[in-house]
Protein backbone atom coordinates (compact mmCIF):
# COMPACT_ATOMS: atom_id res chain seq x y z
CA MET A 1 -0.27 -0.03 0.06
CA LEU A 2 0.61 4.03 -0.20
CA ALA A 3 2.04 3.55 3.22
CA ARG A 4 5.20 1.52 2.73
CA TRP A 5 6.75 4.85 0.71
CA LEU A 6 4.32 7.60 2.33
CA LEU A 7 7.32 9.14 4.72
CA ARG A 8 9.59 9.50 2.34
CA VAL A 9 7.24 11.10 -0.16
CA PRO A 10 7.34 15.21 -0.45
CA ARG A 11 4.15 17.06 -0.04
CA PRO A 12 2.17 16.73 -3.40
CA ARG A 13 1.73 20.35 -5.10
CA GLY A 14 0.11 21.22 -8.94
CA ARG A 15 -2.30 18.90 -10.62
CA ILE A 16 -3.89 15.37 -9.54
CA TRP A 17 -1.51 12.65 -8.95
CA GLY A 18 -0.40 10.27 -11.42
CA SER A 19 -2.09 7.18 -10.05
CA VAL A 20 -5.32 8.46 -9.84
CA ALA A 21 -6.99 7.80 -13.79
CA LEU A 22 -8.27 10.50 -15.33
CA GLY A 23 -10.66 7.91 -17.15
CA ALA A 24 -12.41 8.09 -20.42
CA SER A 25 -14.12 11.08 -21.43
CA LEU A 26 -17.79 11.31 -22.53
CA ALA A 27 -18.57 10.47 -26.38
CA LEU A 28 -20.66 14.07 -26.64
CA THR A 29 -19.40 17.28 -24.52
CA THR A 30 -22.95 19.40 -24.05
CA LEU A 31 -22.53 22.92 -23.94
CA VAL A 32 -24.89 24.67 -21.26
CA SER A 33 -25.89 28.40 -20.81
CA ALA A 34 -25.56 30.58 -17.70
CA SER A 35 -28.89 28.63 -16.93
CA GLY A 36 -27.53 25.47 -17.54
CA THR A 37 -30.03 24.39 -20.11
CA PRO A 38 -27.98 22.24 -22.64
CA THR A 39 -27.38 24.39 -26.01
CA ALA A 40 -25.73 24.61 -29.12
CA SER A 41 -23.97 27.90 -28.50
CA ALA A 42 -24.46 31.28 -26.68
CA ASP A 43 -26.65 32.80 -29.87
CA GLN A 44 -29.68 34.21 -29.42
CA GLY A 45 -33.19 32.35 -29.27
CA ALA A 46 -31.72 29.51 -27.33
CA SER A 47 -34.13 27.86 -24.90
CA GLY A 48 -32.42 30.03 -21.77
CA PRO A 49 -30.46 32.90 -21.45
CA ALA A 50 -27.75 33.31 -23.81
CA VAL A 51 -24.77 35.02 -22.16
CA TYR A 52 -21.81 37.29 -23.03
CA PHE A 53 -18.53 38.31 -21.27
CA ALA A 54 -16.33 41.60 -21.69
CA ASP A 55 -12.79 42.58 -20.46
CA LEU A 56 -12.60 46.03 -19.51
CA SER A 57 -9.95 47.78 -20.06
CA GLY A 58 -8.55 51.70 -21.41
CA PRO A 59 -6.81 50.18 -24.45
CA ALA A 60 -9.87 49.00 -25.63
CA GLU A 61 -11.58 52.78 -26.15
CA SER A 62 -11.89 54.13 -29.04
CA PRO A 63 -9.91 56.39 -29.44
CA PRO A 64 -7.63 54.50 -26.50
CA THR A 65 -7.08 56.06 -23.23
CA SER A 66 -3.91 55.95 -20.95
CA SER A 67 -6.25 54.40 -17.91
CA LEU A 68 -4.52 51.63 -16.05
CA GLY A 69 -8.24 50.93 -14.60
CA THR A 70 -9.65 47.53 -15.39
CA GLY A 71 -12.94 45.29 -15.39
CA SER A 72 -15.45 42.92 -16.23
CA ALA A 73 -18.99 42.60 -17.52
CA ARG A 74 -21.46 39.63 -17.89
CA VAL A 75 -24.67 39.99 -19.68
CA ASP A 76 -27.33 37.35 -19.72
CA LEU A 77 -29.68 38.39 -22.46
CA ASP A 78 -32.66 36.16 -22.48
CA LEU A 79 -35.50 36.73 -25.16
CA THR A 80 -37.89 33.78 -23.55
CA ALA A 81 -37.83 35.20 -19.96
CA HIS A 82 -37.36 38.52 -21.48
CA THR A 83 -34.79 39.69 -19.30
CA LEU A 84 -31.25 41.51 -19.84
CA GLN A 85 -28.87 41.07 -16.22
CA VAL A 86 -25.77 43.16 -16.07
CA GLN A 87 -22.80 42.68 -14.13
CA VAL A 88 -20.02 44.68 -13.88
CA THR A 89 -17.04 45.19 -11.62
CA PHE A 90 -14.31 47.79 -11.97
CA GLY A 91 -11.06 49.17 -10.34
CA GLY A 92 -8.28 51.43 -10.77
CA LEU A 93 -10.24 54.14 -12.63
CA VAL A 94 -8.26 57.70 -12.59
CA ALA A 95 -11.39 59.71 -11.79
CA ALA A 96 -14.73 58.99 -10.22
CA THR A 97 -17.35 57.48 -12.38
CA THR A 98 -20.51 59.54 -14.34
CA ALA A 99 -22.15 56.53 -15.86
CA SER A 100 -22.35 53.12 -17.74
CA HIS A 101 -23.98 51.98 -20.81
CA ILE A 102 -24.33 49.21 -23.53
CA HIS A 103 -23.64 50.58 -26.66
CA ALA A 104 -24.47 49.31 -30.44
CA CYS A 105 -24.57 48.58 -33.16
CA THR A 106 -21.03 49.43 -34.54
CA THR A 107 -20.71 48.95 -38.20
CA THR A 108 -17.97 46.54 -37.97
CA ALA A 109 -17.83 43.78 -35.07
CA ALA A 110 -15.24 44.66 -32.30
CA ILE A 111 -14.40 48.02 -33.43
CA GLY A 112 -15.99 51.59 -33.80
CA THR A 113 -18.25 53.30 -31.91
CA ALA A 114 -22.17 53.27 -31.47
CA GLY A 115 -24.54 55.22 -29.49
CA VAL A 116 -26.14 54.28 -26.20
CA ALA A 117 -28.10 51.34 -26.44
CA THR A 118 -29.81 51.00 -22.83
CA GLN A 119 -30.52 53.78 -20.37
CA VAL A 120 -29.88 57.23 -19.68
CA PRO A 121 -28.07 58.81 -18.66
CA THR A 122 -26.78 55.37 -16.85
CA PHE A 123 -27.89 52.02 -15.69
CA VAL A 124 -30.28 52.38 -12.88
CA GLY A 125 -28.17 51.66 -9.41
CA PHE A 126 -24.66 52.10 -10.61
CA PRO A 127 -22.40 53.09 -8.49
CA LEU A 128 -21.14 56.89 -9.45
CA GLY A 129 -18.35 59.02 -8.22
CA VAL A 130 -16.33 55.87 -7.30
CA THR A 131 -13.01 54.50 -8.53
CA SER A 132 -13.91 50.55 -8.35
CA GLY A 133 -17.26 48.59 -7.35
CA SER A 134 -19.57 46.25 -8.79
CA TYR A 135 -22.86 46.08 -10.05
CA VAL A 136 -25.94 43.77 -10.80
CA HIS A 137 -29.14 44.45 -12.08
CA THR A 138 -31.95 42.66 -14.02
CA PHE A 139 -34.22 44.78 -16.67
CA ASP A 140 -37.18 43.96 -18.40
CA THR A 141 -36.55 43.70 -21.74
CA ARG A 142 -40.01 44.66 -22.71
CA ASP A 143 -39.82 47.87 -20.95
CA ALA A 144 -39.00 50.85 -23.02
CA ALA A 145 -37.17 52.19 -20.26
CA THR A 146 -34.81 49.68 -20.57
CA TYR A 147 -33.67 51.52 -23.65
CA ASN A 148 -32.01 54.94 -24.52
CA PRO A 149 -35.20 56.63 -26.21
CA ALA A 150 -33.33 57.60 -29.22
CA PHE A 151 -32.65 53.18 -29.82
CA VAL A 152 -36.09 52.72 -29.73
CA THR A 153 -36.94 55.44 -32.43
CA ALA A 154 -34.46 54.16 -34.26
CA ASN A 155 -35.93 50.36 -34.58
CA GLY A 156 -39.58 50.73 -34.90
CA GLY A 157 -40.34 52.98 -31.98
CA THR A 158 -40.99 49.93 -29.76
CA ALA A 159 -39.30 48.14 -26.93
CA ALA A 160 -39.76 44.72 -28.94
CA GLY A 161 -38.02 46.07 -31.66
CA ALA A 162 -35.74 47.87 -29.39
CA GLU A 163 -35.11 44.00 -27.64
CA SER A 164 -34.63 42.38 -30.96
CA ALA A 165 -32.11 45.12 -31.92
CA LEU A 166 -29.93 44.67 -29.18
CA ALA A 167 -29.86 41.06 -29.35
CA GLU A 168 -28.77 41.03 -32.67
CA CYS A 169 -25.70 43.54 -32.09
CA VAL A 170 -24.82 41.67 -28.82
CA ALA A 171 -24.59 38.37 -30.88
CA THR A 172 -22.94 39.65 -33.80
CA GLY A 173 -20.22 41.21 -31.23
CA ARG A 174 -21.43 44.64 -32.77
CA ALA A 175 -21.90 46.05 -28.59
CA TYR A 176 -19.89 47.15 -25.97
CA LEU A 177 -20.00 47.83 -22.18
CA ASN A 178 -18.27 51.35 -21.14
CA VAL A 179 -17.78 53.17 -17.80
CA HIS A 180 -17.57 56.66 -18.15
CA SER A 181 -15.79 59.09 -15.43
CA THR A 182 -14.86 62.95 -14.90
CA ALA A 183 -11.47 62.43 -16.60
CA PHE A 184 -12.73 60.41 -19.71
CA PRO A 185 -16.51 61.47 -19.93
CA GLY A 186 -16.49 59.29 -23.68
CA GLY A 187 -15.52 56.26 -21.43
CA GLU A 188 -12.56 55.48 -19.58
CA ILE A 189 -12.33 51.89 -19.81
CA ARG A 190 -14.64 49.46 -22.43
CA GLY A 191 -14.98 46.07 -24.03
CA PHE A 192 -16.83 44.57 -26.55
CA LEU A 193 -19.37 41.70 -25.16
CA THR A 194 -18.53 38.19 -26.91
CA PRO A 195 -20.33 34.76 -26.13
CA ALA A 196 -19.61 33.27 -23.04
CA PRO A 197 -17.50 29.65 -23.67
CA ALA A 198 -18.64 26.45 -23.38
CA ALA A 199 -17.44 26.42 -19.66
CA TYR A 200 -17.33 29.34 -17.52
CA CYS A 201 -17.00 30.14 -13.52
CA GLY A 202 -20.63 30.51 -12.00
CA MET A 203 -22.26 28.45 -14.75
CA THR A 204 -25.21 25.97 -13.70
CA ILE A 205 -24.83 22.37 -15.43
CA ARG A 206 -28.54 20.95 -15.63
CA SER A 207 -27.58 17.41 -17.65
CA ASP A 208 -24.24 15.24 -18.61
CA PHE A 209 -21.43 17.46 -18.41
CA GLN A 210 -17.69 17.24 -20.14
CA LEU A 211 -15.63 20.62 -19.23
CA ASP A 212 -13.34 21.63 -22.06
CA ARG A 213 -10.99 23.85 -20.29
CA ASP A 214 -9.52 24.73 -16.98
CA LEU A 215 -11.76 27.14 -15.03
CA THR A 216 -9.24 29.60 -12.90
CA GLY A 217 -9.62 32.55 -10.28
CA CYS A 218 -13.52 32.16 -9.62
CA PRO A 219 -14.60 35.01 -7.97
CA GLY A 220 -17.13 33.10 -6.47
CA ASP A 221 -18.47 29.67 -7.27
CA GLY A 222 -17.00 27.39 -9.61
CA VAL A 223 -19.95 25.35 -11.27
CA ILE A 224 -23.19 24.73 -9.69
CA ILE A 225 -24.73 21.41 -10.99
CA ASP A 226 -28.78 21.31 -11.13
CA ALA A 227 -29.57 18.17 -12.12
CA ASP A 228 -30.85 14.69 -11.35
CA ASN A 229 -28.76 11.72 -12.33
CA ALA A 230 -26.25 13.63 -14.69
CA VAL A 231 -22.61 12.89 -15.30
CA ILE A 232 -19.96 15.54 -14.75
CA ASP A 233 -16.56 14.79 -16.16
CA LEU A 234 -13.91 17.46 -15.48
CA GLY A 235 -12.02 16.38 -18.50
CA GLY A 236 -8.76 16.16 -16.40
CA HIS A 237 -9.15 19.63 -15.77
CA THR A 238 -9.04 21.99 -12.91
CA ILE A 239 -11.48 24.62 -11.61
CA SER A 240 -9.88 26.87 -9.00
CA GLY A 241 -11.02 30.00 -6.62
CA HIS A 242 -9.71 32.53 -4.34
CA LYS A 243 -8.65 30.81 -0.95
CA GLY A 244 -12.02 31.15 1.53
CA VAL A 245 -14.24 32.64 -0.98
CA GLY A 246 -17.74 30.29 -2.69
CA THR A 247 -17.48 26.68 -3.38
CA GLY A 248 -15.89 25.32 -6.26
CA ILE A 249 -18.80 22.62 -6.85
CA VAL A 250 -22.01 23.19 -5.67
CA ILE A 251 -24.67 20.38 -6.02
CA ARG A 252 -27.74 22.07 -5.27
CA VAL A 253 -30.58 20.27 -2.78
CA ALA A 254 -33.67 18.65 -5.06
CA PRO A 255 -36.32 20.97 -4.96
CA PRO A 256 -39.31 19.39 -2.44
CA GLY A 257 -41.58 16.92 -4.06
CA SER A 258 -38.27 15.58 -6.23
CA VAL A 259 -39.74 12.10 -7.68
CA GLY A 260 -37.07 9.38 -6.94
CA ALA A 261 -33.58 9.71 -5.93
CA PRO A 262 -31.33 12.19 -7.67
CA HIS A 263 -27.66 11.06 -7.51
CA ILE A 264 -25.03 13.03 -9.16
CA THR A 265 -21.64 11.78 -10.47
CA ILE A 266 -18.86 14.01 -10.58
CA LEU A 267 -14.99 12.43 -11.69
CA ASN A 268 -11.43 13.10 -13.31
CA GLY A 269 -10.47 16.60 -12.42
CA THR A 270 -9.10 18.98 -9.74
CA VAL A 271 -11.25 21.45 -7.30
CA GLN A 272 -9.27 23.42 -5.10
CA ASP A 273 -8.77 27.07 -3.58
CA PHE A 274 -11.86 28.11 -2.28
CA ASN A 275 -13.61 28.08 0.86
CA ASP A 276 -15.36 24.30 0.26
CA GLY A 277 -14.15 22.48 -2.58
CA VAL A 278 -17.46 20.46 -2.89
CA ARG A 279 -21.29 20.57 -1.34
CA VAL A 280 -23.37 18.28 -2.03
CA GLY A 281 -27.16 18.53 -1.73
CA ARG A 282 -28.13 15.26 -3.88
CA SER A 283 -26.58 11.89 -3.27
CA ALA A 284 -23.53 11.69 -5.17
CA THR A 285 -20.44 9.63 -6.62
CA LEU A 286 -16.94 11.43 -6.56
CA ARG A 287 -14.32 9.64 -7.79
CA SER A 288 -10.63 10.37 -9.48
CA LEU A 289 -10.60 14.05 -8.16
CA ARG A 290 -8.15 15.71 -6.17
CA VAL A 291 -9.66 18.01 -3.90
CA SER A 292 -6.99 20.61 -2.42
CA GLY A 293 -6.82 24.11 -0.46
CA ASN A 294 -10.33 24.54 0.73
CA PRO A 295 -9.88 26.49 4.21
CA HIS A 296 -13.29 25.06 5.51
CA SER A 297 -13.85 21.81 4.24
CA GLY A 298 -12.54 19.91 1.08
CA ILE A 299 -16.03 17.66 0.49
CA SER A 300 -19.18 18.22 2.47
CA LEU A 301 -22.94 17.42 2.65
CA ILE A 302 -24.52 20.86 2.09
CA PRO A 303 -26.31 21.92 5.98
CA HIS A 304 -29.90 21.19 6.38
CA GLY A 305 -30.38 19.63 3.35
CA PRO A 306 -33.55 18.26 1.08
CA PRO A 307 -36.58 16.91 3.60
CA GLY A 308 -37.42 13.15 4.02
CA GLN A 309 -34.57 12.49 1.57
CA PHE A 310 -31.43 10.29 3.38
CA LEU A 311 -28.31 11.31 0.89
CA THR A 312 -25.69 8.74 -0.12
CA THR A 313 -22.52 9.83 -1.03
CA GLU A 314 -19.06 8.13 -1.71
CA VAL A 315 -15.76 9.63 -2.77
CA LEU A 316 -13.79 7.08 -4.05
CA ASN A 317 -9.74 7.05 -5.84
CA SER A 318 -9.39 10.59 -4.89
CA TYR A 319 -6.14 12.87 -3.05
CA ILE A 320 -8.24 15.13 -0.17
CA ASP A 321 -5.51 17.57 0.59
CA ASP A 322 -4.70 20.63 2.60
CA ASN A 323 -8.67 21.34 3.48
CA GLY A 324 -9.92 22.79 6.79
CA THR A 325 -11.08 19.42 7.21
CA ALA A 326 -11.41 16.90 4.78
CA PHE A 327 -15.02 15.97 5.07
CA GLY A 328 -17.55 18.60 6.49
CA ASN A 329 -20.70 17.21 8.49
CA GLY A 330 -24.22 18.37 6.87
CA ASP A 331 -25.36 19.23 10.37
CA GLY A 332 -29.60 18.69 9.98
CA THR A 333 -28.74 16.23 6.51
CA LEU A 334 -29.99 12.95 7.07
CA GLY A 335 -27.36 10.71 4.84
CA SER A 336 -24.16 8.91 4.78
CA LEU A 337 -20.67 9.73 3.98
CA SER A 338 -18.58 6.70 2.64
CA PHE A 339 -14.74 6.52 1.00
CA SER A 340 -12.73 4.29 -0.40
CA HIS A 341 -9.05 3.86 -1.39
CA ASN A 342 -8.30 7.86 -1.09
CA PHE A 343 -5.37 9.21 -0.03
CA ILE A 344 -6.47 11.91 3.21
CA ALA A 345 -3.10 14.06 4.09
CA TRP A 346 -2.48 17.40 5.62
CA ASN A 347 -6.32 18.88 6.54
CA GLY A 348 -6.91 20.40 9.69
CA THR A 349 -9.30 16.95 10.60
CA VAL A 350 -10.34 14.26 8.49
CA GLY A 351 -13.91 14.68 9.61
CA ASP A 352 -16.65 14.47 12.27
CA PHE A 353 -19.99 12.23 11.48
CA GLY A 354 -22.96 12.49 13.82
CA SER A 355 -24.96 14.25 16.34
CA GLY A 356 -27.22 13.80 19.24
CA SER A 357 -29.97 14.74 16.98
CA GLY A 358 -29.37 12.11 15.03
CA THR A 359 -29.76 14.00 11.57
CA ALA A 360 -26.25 14.78 10.85
CA THR A 361 -24.23 13.12 8.19
CA SER A 362 -23.20 9.58 9.55
CA LEU A 363 -20.59 7.32 8.64
CA GLY A 364 -20.95 4.53 6.00
CA LEU A 365 -17.69 2.19 4.48
CA VAL A 366 -14.38 3.14 5.23
CA GLU A 367 -11.80 1.29 2.99
CA GLY A 368 -8.64 0.83 1.90
CA ASN A 369 -7.74 4.55 2.27
CA GLU A 370 -4.14 6.21 3.54
CA ILE A 371 -4.82 8.89 5.89
CA ALA A 372 -1.75 10.80 7.16
CA PHE A 373 -0.33 14.12 8.36
CA ASN A 374 -3.77 15.53 9.23
CA GLY A 375 -4.60 17.99 12.00
CA GLY A 376 -7.50 14.82 13.78
CA GLY A 377 -8.63 11.92 12.34
CA VAL A 378 -12.00 10.34 12.53
CA GLN A 379 -14.05 11.61 15.17
CA ILE A 380 -17.68 9.66 15.72
CA ARG A 381 -20.25 10.88 17.62
CA GLU A 382 -24.16 9.45 18.10
CA PHE A 383 -25.41 7.87 15.14
CA GLY A 384 -22.02 8.15 13.59
CA GLY A 385 -21.61 4.44 12.38
CA GLY A 386 -18.95 3.60 10.38
CA ILE A 387 -17.34 0.75 9.27
CA LEU A 388 -13.56 1.07 8.99
CA ARG A 389 -11.83 -1.79 7.35
CA ASN A 390 -8.28 -2.33 5.79
CA ASN A 391 -7.26 1.64 6.27
CA GLU A 392 -3.83 2.83 7.17
CA PHE A 393 -3.37 5.59 9.61
CA TRP A 394 0.09 7.36 9.55
CA GLN A 395 1.07 10.64 11.88
CA ASN A 396 -1.87 12.15 12.73
CA ASP A 397 -2.12 14.61 15.23
CA GLY A 398 -4.67 12.98 18.29
CA ASP A 399 -6.47 9.86 17.62
CA ALA A 400 -6.57 8.38 14.44
CA ILE A 401 -10.34 7.56 15.33
CA GLN A 402 -11.99 8.85 18.32
CA PHE A 403 -15.37 8.31 19.02
CA LEU A 404 -17.66 10.04 21.56
CA LEU A 405 -21.14 8.55 23.14
CA ASP A 406 -21.72 6.27 20.41
CA CYS A 407 -18.85 4.04 18.68
CA PRO A 408 -18.64 2.67 15.06
CA SER A 409 -20.11 -0.44 14.41
CA GLU A 410 -16.68 -2.32 12.81
CA VAL A 411 -12.72 -1.66 12.69
CA THR A 412 -10.87 -4.15 11.24
CA GLY A 413 -7.63 -4.98 9.41
CA ASN A 414 -6.75 -1.36 9.54
CA GLY A 415 -2.63 -0.11 10.46
CA PHE A 416 -2.24 2.65 12.56
CA PHE A 417 1.36 3.95 12.95
CA PHE A 418 2.83 7.25 14.45
CA ASN A 419 -0.65 8.63 15.44
CA SER A 420 0.37 11.25 18.68
CA GLY A 421 -2.71 9.68 20.10
CA ALA A 422 -4.83 6.32 20.36
CA ALA A 423 -4.94 4.39 17.46
CA ILE A 424 -8.58 3.65 18.33
CA GLY A 425 -9.88 5.85 21.47
CA GLY A 426 -13.04 7.37 23.04
CA GLY A 427 -15.82 6.71 25.00
CA ALA A 428 -19.34 5.16 24.53
CA PHE A 429 -22.45 5.02 26.71
CA GLY A 430 -24.83 3.14 24.62
CA ARG A 431 -26.83 6.48 23.18
CA GLY A 432 -26.39 5.59 19.35
CA PRO A 433 -27.59 2.51 17.60
CA ASN A 434 -24.38 -0.28 18.46
CA SER A 435 -24.31 -1.73 21.65
CA THR A 436 -20.95 -3.64 21.16
CA CYS A 437 -18.04 -2.16 19.28
CA ASN A 438 -15.69 -4.37 17.64
CA PHE A 439 -12.30 -4.01 16.89
CA SER A 440 -10.19 -6.81 15.04
CA ASP A 441 -7.96 -7.68 12.89
CA ASN A 442 -5.53 -4.31 13.13
CA THR A 443 -1.94 -3.12 13.51
CA MET A 444 -0.76 -0.93 15.58
CA TRP A 445 2.84 0.52 15.83
CA ASP A 446 4.33 3.65 18.06
CA ASN A 447 1.01 5.74 18.76
CA GLY A 448 0.34 7.26 21.66
CA VAL A 449 -1.42 4.47 22.82
CA GLY A 450 -3.32 1.43 20.89
CA ILE A 451 -6.46 1.24 21.68
CA GLN A 452 -7.78 3.46 24.57
CA VAL A 453 -11.85 3.19 25.25
CA GLY A 454 -13.86 3.98 28.10
CA GLY A 455 -17.99 4.34 28.92
CA ILE A 456 -20.80 2.54 29.53
CA ALA A 457 -23.68 0.39 28.34
CA ILE A 458 -21.87 -0.72 25.91
CA THR A 459 -19.41 -3.89 25.23
CA TYR A 460 -16.04 -3.63 23.37
CA THR A 461 -14.80 -6.76 21.52
CA ILE A 462 -11.01 -6.31 21.40
CA ASP A 463 -9.75 -9.50 19.15
CA HIS A 464 -7.26 -10.37 17.04
CA ASN A 465 -5.24 -7.12 17.01
CA LEU A 466 -1.03 -6.76 17.06
CA ILE A 467 -0.28 -3.95 19.72
CA THR A 468 2.90 -3.05 19.66
CA SER A 469 5.47 0.07 20.75
CA ASN A 470 3.18 2.53 21.59
CA LYS A 471 3.52 4.87 24.29
CA VAL A 472 1.20 4.74 27.19
CA ALA A 473 0.11 1.10 26.73
CA GLY A 474 -0.88 -1.48 23.87
CA ILE A 475 -5.09 -1.35 25.14
CA TRP A 476 -6.43 0.30 28.03
CA VAL A 477 -9.80 0.05 29.39
CA ASN A 478 -11.00 2.75 31.88
CA GLY A 479 -13.67 3.21 33.99
CA ARG A 480 -16.82 1.04 34.10
CA ALA A 481 -16.45 -0.09 30.42
CA ALA A 482 -17.04 -3.89 29.61
CA ALA A 483 -15.12 -5.83 27.19
CA THR A 484 -14.20 -9.18 26.00
CA ILE A 485 -10.19 -9.22 24.84
CA THR A 486 -8.83 -12.19 23.63
CA ASN A 487 -5.96 -13.54 21.25
CA ASN A 488 -4.12 -10.51 20.63
CA THR A 489 -0.31 -9.81 20.69
CA VAL A 490 0.42 -6.78 22.86
CA ALA A 491 4.61 -6.05 22.63
CA ARG A 492 6.89 -3.50 24.01
CA ASN A 493 4.71 -0.84 25.21
CA GLY A 494 4.35 1.53 28.10
CA ALA A 495 7.64 3.89 26.77
CA PRO A 496 6.78 6.60 29.77
CA PRO A 497 5.78 10.10 27.61
CA ALA A 498 6.93 13.23 28.31
CA GLY A 499 4.96 14.42 30.80
CA GLY A 500 5.33 11.25 32.88
CA SER A 501 2.82 7.69 32.54
CA PRO A 502 -0.84 8.22 33.29
CA THR A 503 -2.68 6.53 36.04
CA ASP A 504 -6.36 4.94 36.06
CA GLU A 505 -9.21 5.75 38.31
CA ASN A 506 -7.82 4.12 41.17
CA GLY A 507 -4.43 5.51 40.99
CA VAL A 508 -2.32 3.17 39.45
CA ILE A 509 0.12 3.90 37.18
CA VAL A 510 -0.64 2.89 33.36
CA HIS A 511 2.02 1.54 31.73
CA ASP A 512 1.32 -2.26 30.75
CA GLY A 513 0.67 -4.65 27.93
CA ILE A 514 -3.31 -4.73 28.53
CA HIS A 515 -4.71 -2.49 31.01
CA VAL A 516 -8.28 -3.09 32.20
CA ASP A 517 -9.50 -0.62 35.36
CA ARG A 518 -12.48 -3.08 36.50
CA GLY A 519 -14.05 -5.96 35.19
CA GLY A 520 -13.58 -7.37 31.52
CA PHE A 521 -12.95 -10.90 29.90
CA LEU A 522 -9.54 -11.76 29.32
CA GLN A 523 -8.70 -15.29 26.88
CA GLY A 524 -5.96 -16.23 24.99
CA ASN A 525 -3.47 -12.64 24.70
CA GLN A 526 0.30 -12.98 24.38
CA SER A 527 1.82 -9.70 26.48
CA TYR A 528 5.35 -9.05 26.60
CA ASP A 529 8.48 -6.56 26.73
CA ASN A 530 5.98 -3.95 28.04
CA VAL A 531 7.44 -1.57 30.92
CA GLY A 532 5.05 -2.75 33.21
CA LEU A 533 3.01 -6.01 33.38
CA GLY A 534 1.92 -8.16 30.85
CA ILE A 535 -1.63 -7.85 31.84
CA PHE A 536 -3.12 -5.66 34.62
CA ALA A 537 -6.82 -6.86 34.99
CA PRO A 538 -7.19 -6.69 38.85
CA THR A 539 -11.40 -7.58 38.73
CA ALA A 540 -11.62 -9.37 35.49
CA THR A 541 -13.00 -13.05 34.35
CA ASP A 542 -10.10 -14.89 33.40
CA GLY A 543 -10.75 -16.82 30.43
CA GLY A 544 -7.45 -18.34 30.13
CA ASN A 545 -4.33 -19.33 27.70
CA ASN A 546 -3.08 -15.98 27.88
CA VAL A 547 0.45 -15.71 27.97
CA ALA A 548 3.21 -13.31 29.65
CA TYR A 549 6.64 -12.87 29.82
CA THR A 550 9.75 -10.67 30.05
CA ASN A 551 7.66 -7.51 31.07
CA GLY A 552 9.31 -4.95 33.79
CA ASN A 553 7.60 -6.17 36.23
CA PRO A 554 8.62 -9.44 37.22
CA ALA A 555 4.60 -10.63 38.42
CA GLN A 556 3.95 -10.68 34.88
CA CYS A 557 0.25 -10.33 35.03
CA ALA A 558 -2.17 -9.07 37.26
CA GLY A 559 -6.09 -10.40 37.71
CA VAL A 560 -5.64 -13.51 35.45
CA THR A 561 -2.96 -16.28 35.45
CA CYS A 562 -0.50 -16.13 32.83
CA LEU A 563 1.29 -18.73 31.31
CA ILE A 564 5.22 -18.30 31.12
CA PRO A 565 6.58 -20.09 27.84
CA PHE A 566 10.03 -21.05 29.29
């Protein structure tokens, strides 16, 4: 597994790592408009709005200006809904703004000048008297007040004629957006409106889609998915934003009354440098992704999601790194998150699952992952669930798996190495659905402690684990927890930590292979070369066949009879 070379590999940078296949591309690329409705291009007359963009600058003016100011504009023109949405962002102007308009039509595409086509003296509500700002407004294209009266007169004298003419001018590249200022009354910065590319930041997707380019520096959300049963192939491309702002991919919550169980598949690409990488509002499969550098979360369910729906999300064969938390808890959203065969590293935490109300994201199957160098491990609360199999946990801060009030359903076949806390730690109080906690066939080497558990109204089964070289103890069952401890090999545990060895509820130092504060059933364990006793279990039931030798305390065992093989 990856852990064999993990400690020798430098922290990755750049695009998704080579062992994650970027997958086969879809046979057909579907282009989408701003509303997400599939369409062949941004031409007017297509279903949904046609979308146009412009980069604004002084050299683009006619004649060019010396201004170093810049800006961008987006215009959505919907001839079905009869709306014109104008979005403008600008900055660095040399003088205060006085007006902004769309001018149309020039004689030739992308050059020349034309009169004002839209509202005069300026767009309603446009920020005036400033050198930087932003603007969003939606106009009714059936209303004559949307236009310059001279433009209406020149186009049949009606709003309908003006609407048709403006659409033609914009679609043919003969319309531009201008920002005027006191220093440049004729316009300080401008840009010709051109059709949106097939993919762009902030787009909404409503059907199967393949990304055909990188989307970089998105100012808000990357893409929004509002579809049922769609496959979104990122095509090996990157969607990136500005750290702390927006979400890379938003899967919107299905509307109330939706029929069936909508499911989204996203695969083959990188999502990085937003606030959240992917937020999930419908059941989803995320495969062969890299989700990186998002300070809040890598992947999370949207809080307070669709009422009455159980969201099932699985993350497969992906690289989740350098996020605030790898997996965010969708508080108030009933659902489960499973993740298998991923590399999960350098995140603030891996994730926090479950809640007292039973309405947060629970943990499903967690299998075959490499989980390393995170600030915290997997935390499971009430109703958190979880089957954790065949994962490897390396050098995480704190407990690799920590449970509170409720424990995972199963922890088997995992490897735990060099974690600063317990490999498995926590306390269960029977407040979730699990009455037993099963920890078996795991390997635990050089952690703060191997297994440290407590609580009441719960039974721990700890069987066939290899637990060696952990700092406090191999197995420590504290408080009133009931535990069945069988067939484990526990060796070379109990090296005193920097602050000295801890003590149990009776003040006894804990530095043994197996230490059980009270009760318990022990059978068939082998414990050797530990700092204290091989087994300390003063009130346990002795099932026999426990073996202890060469431990630091010559008594070898307390509370059970231990065989000495020589």
